[in-house]
Amino acid sequence: MNEPPAPSGVEPLAAAQAPEPIPRPRIARAALRLNIRGRSVRLRGLRLPPTGIWRWLAILGPGLIASSAGNDAGGIATYSSTGAQYGYELIWVMLLITVSLSVVQEMCARLGAATGRGLLDLIRERFGIGWAVFAVGVILIANGGLIVSEFVGIGAAMELLGLSKYLVVPAAAALIFYLVVVGNYGRVEKIFLLMTLVFFAYPVAAFMAHPHWGEVARGAFIPTLHKDPDYIFLLVGLMGTTITPYMQLFQQSSVVERGGDRRRYGPERVDAYAGAIFSNLMSIFMIIATAATLHAIGKNHIETAADAAQALEPVAGHFAGLIFAVGVLGASLLAAAVLPLATSYAVSEAFGFSKGVDLDFRRAPLFFTLFTGLVVFGAAAALIPHLPVIKLLLWIQVLNGILLPIILVFILLLINDSRLTGELKNTRFYNVLGWATFAMITLAVLTMLTSQLLGVFGVKLFGGG
């Protein structure tokens, strides 16, 4: 067959199709006996596809893990500060961001299924090595700070339990290294999924705090705006911690490694949407819990992890510190593993090196060396004495909000390239939502930066609150 030559820098769609995925169904208890060349052979361990609820649970994976990882130590600090400072007034923003997060994560899952490639691999192929290096720089800046923040969160959680971070943080780094380097993708994915269970503490805390549900509904459906720099700063932080660049990287690369298939694309979409909705519901419950406890008593500023733990006192009483510590520890461990993985995927893809949890140091030296280096760097930086934990976490989320529009532009341009995605390219509806998300975040970032810049010269962009 004669096919027209592909445009420069873009591989033909037929060549880009992902291989048939290898299903991972359950093991059947029954065995089968066959007669082969006169000899009776008993076959055990026949694999059958899962049915019932297991079929739906088997769909969950990269989407739930990536979105839940956004509810990390920085996320908990940001959502807790939001509830403490503004009560229920920013829940409407979270509803908008939930739509945006769902759309962005689904686009990345679709890109992975359509092309069989990660995001940085596509950026290098479509836009050239120069833009790939630029994207790598953005990702290293964004993810480097976040990796430190996750180990800071692990240390803060352990100090709530009376344990020294100088012992726990290195132990956590060793555990994460062992899980990823020694394990395989299927096992690592299951462990990550189990870690998401810690977030159920927040819905319980929100209900036990007896919030004013009329005020919650008003905050969810009636937008409230404030003319003060802190409000815009926190708004950008909310966007940065909810739609974090590493979540898109991990989503797409994991769909590829899991064996996502363009011809049977569907489970990946369900996983992306389910993960985004679950993650942001947990985030909203964090805001409600802190609004009903801290904001209600006039404690509007959170300085330490112990302050944030007070939001769980209605359900946990004197055990609030323990429950909060477990929640932060589980969330931080999840993100501390996902972040270096996402970064290692991205850098390896950008320069065309082998990558994947199912490989080893010999077959993917750059991937595992970078993963190891990032874990060691994050753990070492988190041990610096007297770090302002909550402020550090908030500023890192704001930095991610500033860098997010750059990654969004790449995603939107790639998903609309029919030479790469074919029939899985964006519809007009998805484009409207995608570019509206880009515009919303960019406007908030520019407003915040303008306010900060004018403040240096003593000029206030906003008046009082």
Protein backbone atom coordinates (compact mmCIF):
# COMPACT_ATOMS: atom_id res chain seq x y z
CA MET A 1 0.00 0.00 0.00
CA ASN A 2 1.24 3.46 -0.87
CA GLU A 3 0.72 5.99 1.91
CA PRO A 4 1.46 9.70 1.61
CA PRO A 5 4.59 10.75 3.48
CA ALA A 6 3.98 12.05 7.00
CA PRO A 7 4.71 15.70 7.75
CA SER A 8 8.14 16.36 9.13
CA GLY A 9 8.47 15.64 12.82
CA VAL A 10 5.26 13.62 13.06
CA GLU A 11 5.11 9.82 12.85
CA PRO A 12 2.29 8.42 10.69
CA LEU A 13 -0.78 7.54 12.71
CA ALA A 14 -0.67 3.86 11.72
CA ALA A 15 2.87 3.55 13.05
CA ALA A 16 1.93 5.29 16.27
CA GLN A 17 -0.79 2.85 17.27
CA ALA A 18 -0.20 1.25 20.64
CA PRO A 19 0.24 -2.51 20.81
CA GLU A 20 -2.58 -4.73 21.96
CA PRO A 21 -2.85 -4.37 25.75
CA ILE A 22 -2.25 -7.40 27.91
CA PRO A 23 -5.33 -7.82 30.08
CA ARG A 24 -4.87 -8.40 33.78
CA PRO A 25 -7.93 -10.42 34.72
CA ARG A 26 -8.47 -12.59 37.78
CA ILE A 27 -7.30 -16.20 38.15
CA ALA A 28 -9.96 -18.86 37.64
CA ARG A 29 -10.10 -21.61 40.26
CA ALA A 30 -11.01 -24.25 37.69
CA ALA A 31 -8.44 -26.20 35.67
CA LEU A 32 -8.62 -27.71 32.21
CA ARG A 33 -7.28 -31.11 31.11
CA LEU A 34 -6.12 -31.51 27.50
CA ASN A 35 -4.80 -34.47 25.56
CA ILE A 36 -1.69 -33.42 23.61
CA ARG A 37 0.06 -36.10 21.51
CA GLY A 38 -1.37 -38.85 23.66
CA ARG A 39 -0.34 -37.25 26.94
CA SER A 40 -2.81 -35.80 29.42
CA VAL A 41 -1.93 -32.24 30.43
CA ARG A 42 -3.69 -30.33 33.23
CA LEU A 43 -3.70 -26.54 32.77
CA ARG A 44 -4.09 -24.52 35.93
CA GLY A 45 -4.45 -20.80 36.57
CA LEU A 46 -6.64 -20.02 33.57
CA ARG A 47 -7.35 -16.30 33.42
CA LEU A 48 -10.91 -15.07 33.09
CA PRO A 49 -12.05 -11.47 32.76
CA PRO A 50 -13.38 -9.92 35.99
CA THR A 51 -17.13 -9.54 36.34
CA GLY A 52 -19.56 -7.52 38.43
CA ILE A 53 -18.10 -4.87 40.73
CA TRP A 54 -14.58 -6.21 40.15
CA ARG A 55 -14.89 -5.28 36.50
CA TRP A 56 -15.50 -1.65 37.44
CA LEU A 57 -12.83 -1.59 40.14
CA ALA A 58 -10.33 -3.03 37.64
CA ILE A 59 -10.83 0.09 35.51
CA LEU A 60 -9.47 2.36 38.25
CA GLY A 61 -5.77 3.09 38.02
CA PRO A 62 -3.78 6.04 36.62
CA GLY A 63 -6.70 8.49 36.80
CA LEU A 64 -7.53 7.85 40.44
CA ILE A 65 -3.85 7.73 41.46
CA ALA A 66 -2.85 10.90 39.60
CA SER A 67 -5.79 12.98 40.83
CA SER A 68 -5.56 11.70 44.41
CA ALA A 69 -1.84 12.48 44.49
CA GLY A 70 -2.87 16.13 44.07
CA ASN A 71 -4.37 15.96 47.57
CA ASP A 72 -0.86 15.79 48.97
CA ALA A 73 0.72 17.70 51.84
CA GLY A 74 0.63 20.93 49.82
CA GLY A 75 -2.96 20.27 48.81
CA ILE A 76 -4.04 19.64 52.40
CA ALA A 77 -2.28 22.86 53.50
CA THR A 78 -3.93 24.86 50.70
CA TYR A 79 -7.45 23.49 51.22
CA SER A 80 -7.16 23.84 55.00
CA SER A 81 -6.00 27.46 54.65
CA THR A 82 -8.87 28.13 52.24
CA GLY A 83 -11.49 26.86 54.68
CA ALA A 84 -9.91 28.58 57.67
CA GLN A 85 -9.51 31.95 55.94
CA TYR A 86 -12.63 32.20 53.76
CA GLY A 87 -15.00 29.59 55.14
CA TYR A 88 -17.25 28.12 52.47
CA GLU A 89 -16.84 31.01 50.03
CA LEU A 90 -14.44 29.28 47.62
CA ILE A 91 -16.32 26.00 47.17
CA TRP A 92 -17.77 27.33 43.89
CA VAL A 93 -14.20 27.66 42.60
CA MET A 94 -13.59 24.00 43.43
CA LEU A 95 -16.66 22.98 41.40
CA LEU A 96 -15.32 24.86 38.38
CA ILE A 97 -11.88 23.37 38.85
CA THR A 98 -13.41 19.88 39.08
CA VAL A 99 -14.79 20.28 35.55
CA SER A 100 -11.44 21.60 34.35
CA LEU A 101 -9.45 18.85 36.05
CA SER A 102 -11.71 16.16 34.57
CA VAL A 103 -11.30 17.54 31.06
CA VAL A 104 -7.51 17.97 31.30
CA GLN A 105 -6.88 14.52 32.80
CA GLU A 106 -9.15 12.86 30.23
CA MET A 107 -7.34 14.60 27.37
CA CYS A 108 -4.03 13.24 28.64
CA ALA A 109 -5.45 9.72 28.99
CA ARG A 110 -6.77 10.00 25.42
CA LEU A 111 -3.40 11.21 24.15
CA GLY A 112 -1.72 8.22 25.75
CA ALA A 113 -4.23 5.72 24.35
CA ALA A 114 -4.20 7.30 20.86
CA THR A 115 -0.44 7.52 20.42
CA GLY A 116 1.14 5.03 22.83
CA ARG A 117 3.51 7.82 23.91
CA GLY A 118 4.03 10.07 26.89
CA LEU A 119 3.55 13.83 26.83
CA LEU A 120 7.22 14.84 26.60
CA ASP A 121 7.83 12.26 23.89
CA LEU A 122 5.09 13.90 21.80
CA ILE A 123 6.38 17.41 22.51
CA ARG A 124 9.85 16.41 21.26
CA GLU A 125 8.44 14.71 18.18
CA ARG A 126 5.92 17.42 17.28
CA PHE A 127 7.71 20.63 18.29
CA GLY A 128 11.39 19.67 18.33
CA ILE A 129 14.08 19.10 20.93
CA GLY A 130 14.28 22.80 21.86
CA TRP A 131 10.67 22.92 23.08
CA ALA A 132 11.13 19.53 24.75
CA VAL A 133 14.10 20.88 26.75
CA PHE A 134 12.03 23.94 27.68
CA ALA A 135 9.17 21.70 28.88
CA VAL A 136 11.63 19.58 30.86
CA GLY A 137 12.90 22.73 32.57
CA VAL A 138 9.36 23.77 33.52
CA ILE A 139 8.62 20.31 34.88
CA LEU A 140 11.86 20.06 36.87
CA ILE A 141 11.20 23.43 38.51
CA ALA A 142 7.57 22.59 39.31
CA ASN A 143 8.16 19.02 40.44
CA GLY A 144 11.43 19.65 42.27
CA GLY A 145 9.73 21.93 44.77
CA LEU A 146 6.78 19.58 45.12
CA ILE A 147 8.97 16.57 45.86
CA VAL A 148 10.57 18.50 48.71
CA SER A 149 7.11 19.47 49.97
CA GLU A 150 5.98 15.83 50.11
CA PHE A 151 8.86 14.83 52.35
CA VAL A 152 8.26 17.97 54.41
CA GLY A 153 4.69 16.74 54.82
CA ILE A 154 5.92 13.29 55.89
CA GLY A 155 8.19 14.90 58.49
CA ALA A 156 5.41 17.17 59.80
CA ALA A 157 3.02 14.22 60.09
CA MET A 158 5.51 12.18 62.07
CA GLU A 159 6.33 15.07 64.40
CA LEU A 160 2.62 15.21 65.28
CA LEU A 161 3.10 11.65 66.53
CA GLY A 162 6.20 12.56 68.50
CA LEU A 163 8.65 10.94 66.09
CA SER A 164 11.75 12.66 64.74
CA LYS A 165 11.63 13.59 61.06
CA TYR A 166 15.38 12.88 60.89
CA LEU A 167 14.57 9.18 61.32
CA VAL A 168 11.25 8.92 59.51
CA VAL A 169 11.99 10.89 56.33
CA PRO A 170 15.02 8.73 55.29
CA ALA A 171 13.00 5.60 56.12
CA ALA A 172 10.12 6.84 53.94
CA ALA A 173 12.52 7.57 51.08
CA ALA A 174 13.95 4.05 51.36
CA LEU A 175 10.43 2.55 51.36
CA ILE A 176 9.42 4.50 48.22
CA PHE A 177 12.64 3.49 46.48
CA TYR A 178 12.03 -0.18 47.32
CA LEU A 179 8.39 -0.16 46.17
CA VAL A 180 9.16 1.34 42.77
CA VAL A 181 12.56 -0.15 41.95
CA VAL A 182 11.90 -3.68 43.19
CA GLY A 183 8.19 -3.88 42.31
CA ASN A 184 6.38 -4.09 38.98
CA TYR A 185 3.77 -1.72 37.60
CA GLY A 186 0.75 -3.84 38.58
CA ARG A 187 1.89 -4.20 42.18
CA VAL A 188 2.90 -0.54 42.51
CA GLU A 189 -0.46 0.57 41.10
CA LYS A 190 -2.37 -1.52 43.67
CA ILE A 191 -0.31 -0.06 46.53
CA PHE A 192 -0.96 3.48 45.27
CA LEU A 193 -4.69 2.75 45.04
CA LEU A 194 -4.73 1.52 48.66
CA MET A 195 -3.09 4.76 49.77
CA THR A 196 -6.08 6.75 48.46
CA LEU A 197 -8.24 5.28 51.27
CA VAL A 198 -6.76 7.76 53.77
CA PHE A 199 -8.81 10.57 52.22
CA PHE A 200 -12.08 9.16 53.58
CA ALA A 201 -11.21 10.74 56.95
CA TYR A 202 -12.21 14.15 55.61
CA PRO A 203 -15.85 13.45 54.58
CA VAL A 204 -16.39 11.94 58.03
CA ALA A 205 -14.81 14.98 59.69
CA ALA A 206 -16.89 17.36 57.55
CA PHE A 207 -20.19 15.74 58.57
CA MET A 208 -19.21 15.36 62.23
CA ALA A 209 -18.33 19.08 62.39
CA HIS A 210 -22.02 19.88 61.73
CA PRO A 211 -21.47 22.64 59.17
CA HIS A 212 -24.23 25.02 58.19
CA TRP A 213 -25.32 23.24 55.01
CA GLY A 214 -27.20 26.29 53.77
CA GLU A 215 -23.93 28.23 53.87
CA VAL A 216 -22.17 25.34 52.16
CA ALA A 217 -24.74 25.45 49.33
CA ARG A 218 -24.40 29.22 49.07
CA GLY A 219 -20.62 28.92 48.84
CA ALA A 220 -20.97 26.22 46.17
CA PHE A 221 -23.44 27.95 43.86
CA ILE A 222 -23.16 31.71 44.52
CA PRO A 223 -19.72 33.08 43.53
CA THR A 224 -18.09 35.41 46.03
CA LEU A 225 -15.13 37.59 45.08
CA HIS A 226 -12.77 39.56 47.30
CA LYS A 227 -10.57 42.45 46.26
CA ASP A 228 -7.44 41.60 48.19
CA PRO A 229 -4.09 40.07 47.22
CA ASP A 230 -4.42 37.15 49.66
CA TYR A 231 -7.61 36.03 47.92
CA ILE A 232 -5.97 36.00 44.47
CA PHE A 233 -2.87 34.32 45.90
CA LEU A 234 -4.98 31.55 47.42
CA LEU A 235 -7.04 31.26 44.23
CA VAL A 236 -3.91 30.58 42.17
CA GLY A 237 -2.74 28.14 44.84
CA LEU A 238 -6.05 26.25 44.59
CA MET A 239 -5.66 25.94 40.83
CA GLY A 240 -2.00 24.94 41.13
CA THR A 241 -2.62 22.22 43.69
CA THR A 242 -5.75 20.84 41.99
CA ILE A 243 -4.53 20.76 38.36
CA THR A 244 -0.84 20.09 38.95
CA PRO A 245 1.43 19.48 35.91
CA TYR A 246 2.83 16.21 37.24
CA MET A 247 -0.70 14.77 37.37
CA GLN A 248 -1.02 15.10 33.60
CA LEU A 249 2.42 13.59 33.03
CA PHE A 250 1.72 10.60 35.27
CA GLN A 251 -1.77 10.06 33.82
CA GLN A 252 -0.55 9.86 30.22
CA SER A 253 2.60 7.84 30.86
CA SER A 254 0.76 5.36 33.10
CA VAL A 255 -1.99 4.82 30.50
CA VAL A 256 0.77 3.97 28.01
CA GLU A 257 2.56 1.61 30.41
CA ARG A 258 -0.75 0.02 31.40
CA GLY A 259 -1.41 -0.77 27.74
CA GLY A 260 -4.16 1.72 26.83
CA ASP A 261 -5.55 1.02 23.37
CA ARG A 262 -7.04 3.59 20.95
CA ARG A 263 -9.40 0.96 19.52
CA ARG A 264 -10.92 0.15 22.91
CA TYR A 265 -10.65 3.54 24.53
CA GLY A 266 -13.33 3.91 27.18
CA PRO A 267 -12.12 2.49 30.51
CA GLU A 268 -9.37 5.13 30.55
CA ARG A 269 -12.00 7.87 30.22
CA VAL A 270 -14.04 6.44 33.11
CA ASP A 271 -10.88 6.21 35.23
CA ALA A 272 -9.90 9.83 34.47
CA TYR A 273 -13.32 11.23 35.33
CA ALA A 274 -13.76 9.05 38.43
CA GLY A 275 -10.33 10.06 39.73
CA ALA A 276 -10.92 13.80 39.20
CA ILE A 277 -14.37 13.75 40.83
CA PHE A 278 -13.28 11.63 43.80
CA SER A 279 -10.17 13.74 44.39
CA ASN A 280 -12.00 17.06 44.35
CA LEU A 281 -14.84 15.79 46.51
CA MET A 282 -12.22 14.98 49.14
CA SER A 283 -10.75 18.47 48.66
CA ILE A 284 -14.15 20.11 49.14
CA PHE A 285 -14.70 18.10 52.32
CA MET A 286 -11.32 19.38 53.60
CA ILE A 287 -12.53 22.94 53.04
CA ILE A 288 -15.87 22.23 54.75
CA ALA A 289 -14.18 20.58 57.73
CA THR A 290 -11.78 23.47 58.33
CA ALA A 291 -14.49 26.10 57.66
CA ALA A 292 -16.83 24.50 60.21
CA THR A 293 -14.13 24.26 62.87
CA LEU A 294 -11.28 26.75 62.44
CA HIS A 295 -13.08 29.55 60.56
CA ALA A 296 -16.10 29.24 62.86
CA ILE A 297 -13.98 30.07 65.92
CA GLY A 298 -12.07 32.87 64.21
CA LYS A 299 -8.83 30.95 63.61
CA ASN A 300 -8.24 32.20 60.07
CA HIS A 301 -4.55 31.50 59.61
CA ILE A 302 -2.87 28.11 59.78
CA GLU A 303 0.81 28.13 60.69
CA THR A 304 1.51 24.49 61.57
CA ALA A 305 0.26 21.00 60.85
CA ALA A 306 -1.13 20.89 64.39
CA ASP A 307 -3.35 23.88 63.56
CA ALA A 308 -4.77 22.07 60.56
CA ALA A 309 -5.30 18.92 62.65
CA GLN A 310 -7.93 20.81 64.70
CA ALA A 311 -10.32 20.39 61.76
CA LEU A 312 -10.54 16.68 62.63
CA GLU A 313 -11.27 17.17 66.33
CA PRO A 314 -15.08 16.85 65.91
CA VAL A 315 -14.71 13.28 64.72
CA ALA A 316 -11.44 12.28 66.38
CA GLY A 317 -11.37 14.30 69.60
CA HIS A 318 -7.99 14.00 71.26
CA PHE A 319 -6.96 11.65 68.47
CA ALA A 320 -7.26 14.45 65.89
CA GLY A 321 -3.49 14.76 65.63
CA LEU A 322 -3.17 11.03 65.04
CA ILE A 323 -5.87 10.94 62.34
CA PHE A 324 -4.49 14.04 60.63
CA ALA A 325 -0.96 12.63 60.77
CA VAL A 326 -2.09 9.38 59.14
CA GLY A 327 -3.94 11.33 56.44
CA VAL A 328 -0.98 13.58 55.66
CA LEU A 329 1.43 10.64 55.80
CA GLY A 330 -0.59 8.53 53.36
CA ALA A 331 -1.17 11.46 50.99
CA SER A 332 2.47 12.53 51.11
CA LEU A 333 3.78 9.00 50.58
CA LEU A 334 1.53 8.61 47.55
CA ALA A 335 2.65 11.91 46.01
CA ALA A 336 6.30 11.38 47.03
CA ALA A 337 6.27 8.22 44.91
CA VAL A 338 4.16 9.56 42.01
CA LEU A 339 6.08 12.83 41.61
CA PRO A 340 9.57 11.38 40.99
CA LEU A 341 7.97 8.75 38.75
CA ALA A 342 6.15 11.38 36.67
CA THR A 343 9.32 13.45 36.40
CA SER A 344 11.43 10.43 35.41
CA TYR A 345 8.86 9.46 32.78
CA ALA A 346 8.90 13.01 31.38
CA VAL A 347 12.68 13.45 31.16
CA SER A 348 13.23 9.97 29.72
CA GLU A 349 10.53 10.56 27.11
CA ALA A 350 11.92 13.97 26.17
CA PHE A 351 15.29 12.49 25.25
CA GLY A 352 14.09 9.14 23.91
CA PHE A 353 15.41 6.89 26.70
CA SER A 354 13.78 3.69 27.93
CA LYS A 355 11.45 4.09 30.88
CA GLY A 356 8.99 2.06 32.93
CA VAL A 357 8.50 0.54 36.37
CA ASP A 358 8.58 -2.95 34.85
CA LEU A 359 12.20 -2.38 33.70
CA ASP A 360 15.34 -2.22 35.83
CA PHE A 361 18.50 -0.12 36.22
CA ARG A 362 20.26 -2.03 33.44
CA ARG A 363 17.48 -1.53 30.85
CA ALA A 364 16.40 1.97 31.91
CA PRO A 365 19.42 3.59 33.62
CA LEU A 366 18.35 7.23 33.19
CA PHE A 367 14.79 6.55 34.37
CA PHE A 368 15.79 4.85 37.62
CA THR A 369 18.83 7.05 38.28
CA LEU A 370 16.69 10.18 37.98
CA PHE A 371 13.96 8.64 40.15
CA THR A 372 16.52 7.76 42.82
CA GLY A 373 18.17 11.19 42.66
CA LEU A 374 14.85 13.01 43.03
CA VAL A 375 13.84 10.91 46.04
CA VAL A 376 17.21 11.52 47.72
CA PHE A 377 17.07 15.27 46.91
CA GLY A 378 13.53 15.65 48.26
CA ALA A 379 14.27 13.78 51.46
CA ALA A 380 17.54 15.66 52.09
CA ALA A 381 16.01 19.11 51.49
CA ALA A 382 13.09 18.30 53.80
CA LEU A 383 15.53 17.77 56.68
CA ILE A 384 16.66 21.42 56.63
CA PRO A 385 15.89 22.76 60.14
CA HIS A 386 13.20 25.38 60.85
CA LEU A 387 11.42 25.27 57.51
CA PRO A 388 8.15 27.29 57.53
CA VAL A 389 6.09 24.26 56.55
CA ILE A 390 2.64 25.69 55.74
CA LYS A 391 4.01 28.79 53.96
CA LEU A 392 6.45 26.66 51.95
CA LEU A 393 3.67 24.31 50.87
CA LEU A 394 1.40 27.20 49.83
CA TRP A 395 4.11 28.96 47.82
CA ILE A 396 5.00 25.75 45.96
CA GLN A 397 1.35 25.27 44.96
CA VAL A 398 1.26 28.87 43.68
CA LEU A 399 4.42 28.20 41.64
CA ASN A 400 2.68 25.22 40.07
CA GLY A 401 -0.29 27.42 39.24
CA ILE A 402 2.04 29.85 37.46
CA LEU A 403 3.68 27.09 35.39
CA LEU A 404 0.47 25.18 34.64
CA PRO A 405 -0.66 27.25 31.57
CA ILE A 406 2.56 26.32 29.75
CA ILE A 407 1.81 22.59 30.03
CA LEU A 408 -1.85 23.15 29.14
CA VAL A 409 -0.92 24.80 25.83
CA PHE A 410 1.16 21.77 24.81
CA ILE A 411 -1.66 19.37 25.76
CA LEU A 412 -4.30 21.32 23.81
CA LEU A 413 -2.15 21.65 20.69
CA LEU A 414 -1.27 17.94 20.70
CA ILE A 415 -4.78 16.61 21.34
CA ASN A 416 -6.06 18.67 18.39
CA ASP A 417 -3.46 17.30 15.98
CA SER A 418 -5.44 14.74 13.96
CA ARG A 419 -2.17 13.34 12.54
CA LEU A 420 -1.44 12.07 16.04
CA THR A 421 -4.85 11.37 17.53
CA GLY A 422 -7.06 10.59 14.51
CA GLU A 423 -10.66 10.08 15.56
CA LEU A 424 -9.72 10.67 19.23
CA LYS A 425 -8.95 14.34 18.68
CA ASN A 426 -10.82 16.94 20.71
CA THR A 427 -14.41 17.81 19.92
CA ARG A 428 -15.48 21.46 19.89
CA PHE A 429 -17.01 21.04 23.35
CA TYR A 430 -13.72 19.75 24.80
CA ASN A 431 -11.83 22.60 23.13
CA VAL A 432 -14.15 25.18 24.67
CA LEU A 433 -13.65 23.70 28.13
CA GLY A 434 -9.89 23.22 27.63
CA TRP A 435 -9.16 26.73 26.40
CA ALA A 436 -11.53 28.22 29.00
CA THR A 437 -9.47 26.44 31.68
CA PHE A 438 -6.28 27.88 30.19
CA ALA A 439 -7.80 31.38 30.11
CA MET A 440 -9.11 31.16 33.69
CA ILE A 441 -5.78 30.07 35.15
CA THR A 442 -3.75 32.51 33.05
CA LEU A 443 -5.97 35.43 34.09
CA ALA A 444 -5.66 34.54 37.77
CA VAL A 445 -1.86 34.15 37.49
CA LEU A 446 -1.42 37.47 35.64
CA THR A 447 -3.63 39.25 38.18
CA MET A 448 -1.62 37.86 41.07
CA LEU A 449 1.75 38.67 39.48
CA THR A 450 0.62 42.19 38.60
CA SER A 451 -0.57 42.72 42.16
CA GLN A 452 2.74 41.45 43.58
CA LEU A 453 4.79 43.58 41.18
CA LEU A 454 2.85 46.76 41.89
CA GLY A 455 3.12 46.04 45.61
CA VAL A 456 6.91 46.32 45.33
CA PHE A 457 6.44 49.96 44.31
CA GLY A 458 3.83 50.62 46.98
CA VAL A 459 0.89 50.53 44.56
CA LYS A 460 -2.18 48.50 45.55
CA LEU A 461 -4.06 46.86 42.73
CA PHE A 462 -6.92 46.06 45.12
CA GLY A 463 -8.45 47.90 47.98
CA GLY A 464 -9.65 46.28 51.17
CA GLY A 465 -11.26 42.85 51.31
